[in-house]
């Protein structure tokens, strides 16, 4: 499945709260979510390789899975 990370989510990765979360962490998290996501939904409790816990907001669109934002813990 193709994972698309929005510009907003890319910008959020530069914040202190999301530091040490990589694009690969986000892509892996988005691919772990089973089924179809017709509306933007928050998914909680993913672990980055650095050990940081984060949530993502994602939605399925015709060209793949869109990651709208990333929320670090």
Protein backbone atom coordinates (compact mmCIF):
# COMPACT_ATOMS: atom_id res chain seq x y z
CA UNK A 1 0.00 0.00 0.00
CA UNK A 2 1.25 3.46 -0.90
CA UNK A 3 1.58 5.84 2.07
CA UNK A 4 1.41 9.60 1.45
CA UNK A 5 2.65 11.95 4.19
CA UNK A 6 1.12 15.43 4.04
CA UNK A 7 3.21 18.57 4.21
CA UNK A 8 1.59 19.32 7.58
CA UNK A 9 2.81 16.01 9.00
CA UNK A 10 6.31 16.62 7.59
CA UNK A 11 6.38 20.03 9.30
CA UNK A 12 5.26 18.53 12.61
CA UNK A 13 8.25 16.15 12.59
CA UNK A 14 10.49 19.18 13.14
CA UNK A 15 8.77 20.02 16.47
CA UNK A 16 10.34 18.93 19.75
CA UNK A 17 7.34 16.77 20.61
CA UNK A 18 7.84 14.65 17.48
CA UNK A 19 11.65 14.52 17.46
CA UNK A 20 13.24 11.15 16.71
CA UNK A 21 10.20 10.00 14.69
CA UNK A 22 11.26 9.23 11.12
CA UNK A 23 9.40 8.92 7.83
CA UNK A 24 10.06 5.16 7.97
CA UNK A 25 8.37 4.99 11.40
CA UNK A 26 5.30 6.74 10.01
CA UNK A 27 5.13 4.55 6.90
CA UNK A 28 5.45 1.36 8.97
CA UNK A 29 2.73 2.56 11.37
CA UNK A 30 0.36 3.43 8.51
CA UNK A 31 0.90 0.03 6.89
CA UNK A 32 0.15 -1.77 10.19
CA UNK A 33 -3.41 -0.44 10.24
CA UNK A 34 -5.72 -3.11 8.79
CA UNK A 35 -8.78 -2.52 6.63
CA UNK A 36 -10.11 0.60 4.98
CA UNK A 37 -10.21 4.04 6.65
CA UNK A 38 -12.99 6.05 4.94
CA UNK A 39 -12.78 9.09 7.25
CA UNK A 40 -9.84 10.72 9.04
CA UNK A 41 -9.24 8.68 12.19
CA UNK A 42 -6.68 8.88 14.98
CA UNK A 43 -4.71 5.71 15.69
CA UNK A 44 -2.78 5.56 18.95
CA UNK A 45 0.21 3.81 20.43
CA UNK A 46 2.81 3.34 17.69
CA UNK A 47 6.50 3.06 18.61
CA UNK A 48 9.29 4.71 16.65
CA UNK A 49 12.62 2.87 16.43
CA UNK A 50 13.96 5.49 18.84
CA UNK A 51 11.40 4.37 21.45
CA UNK A 52 9.19 7.46 21.12
CA UNK A 53 5.44 6.74 21.24
CA UNK A 54 3.28 8.51 18.69
CA UNK A 55 -0.20 8.66 17.18
CA UNK A 56 -1.16 9.26 13.56
CA UNK A 57 -4.27 10.59 11.89
CA UNK A 58 -4.86 8.78 8.61
CA UNK A 59 -7.44 8.34 5.87
CA UNK A 60 -7.60 6.19 2.74
CA UNK A 61 -7.85 8.00 -0.58
CA UNK A 62 -7.87 6.66 -4.12
CA UNK A 63 -4.07 6.91 -4.47
CA UNK A 64 -3.17 5.32 -1.12
CA UNK A 65 -3.20 5.93 2.62
CA UNK A 66 -2.89 9.59 3.54
CA UNK A 67 -1.17 10.41 6.85
CA UNK A 68 -2.62 13.79 7.83
CA UNK A 69 -0.68 14.47 11.03
CA UNK A 70 1.63 12.94 13.61
CA UNK A 71 1.25 13.47 17.36
CA UNK A 72 4.25 12.64 19.55
CA UNK A 73 3.91 11.72 23.22
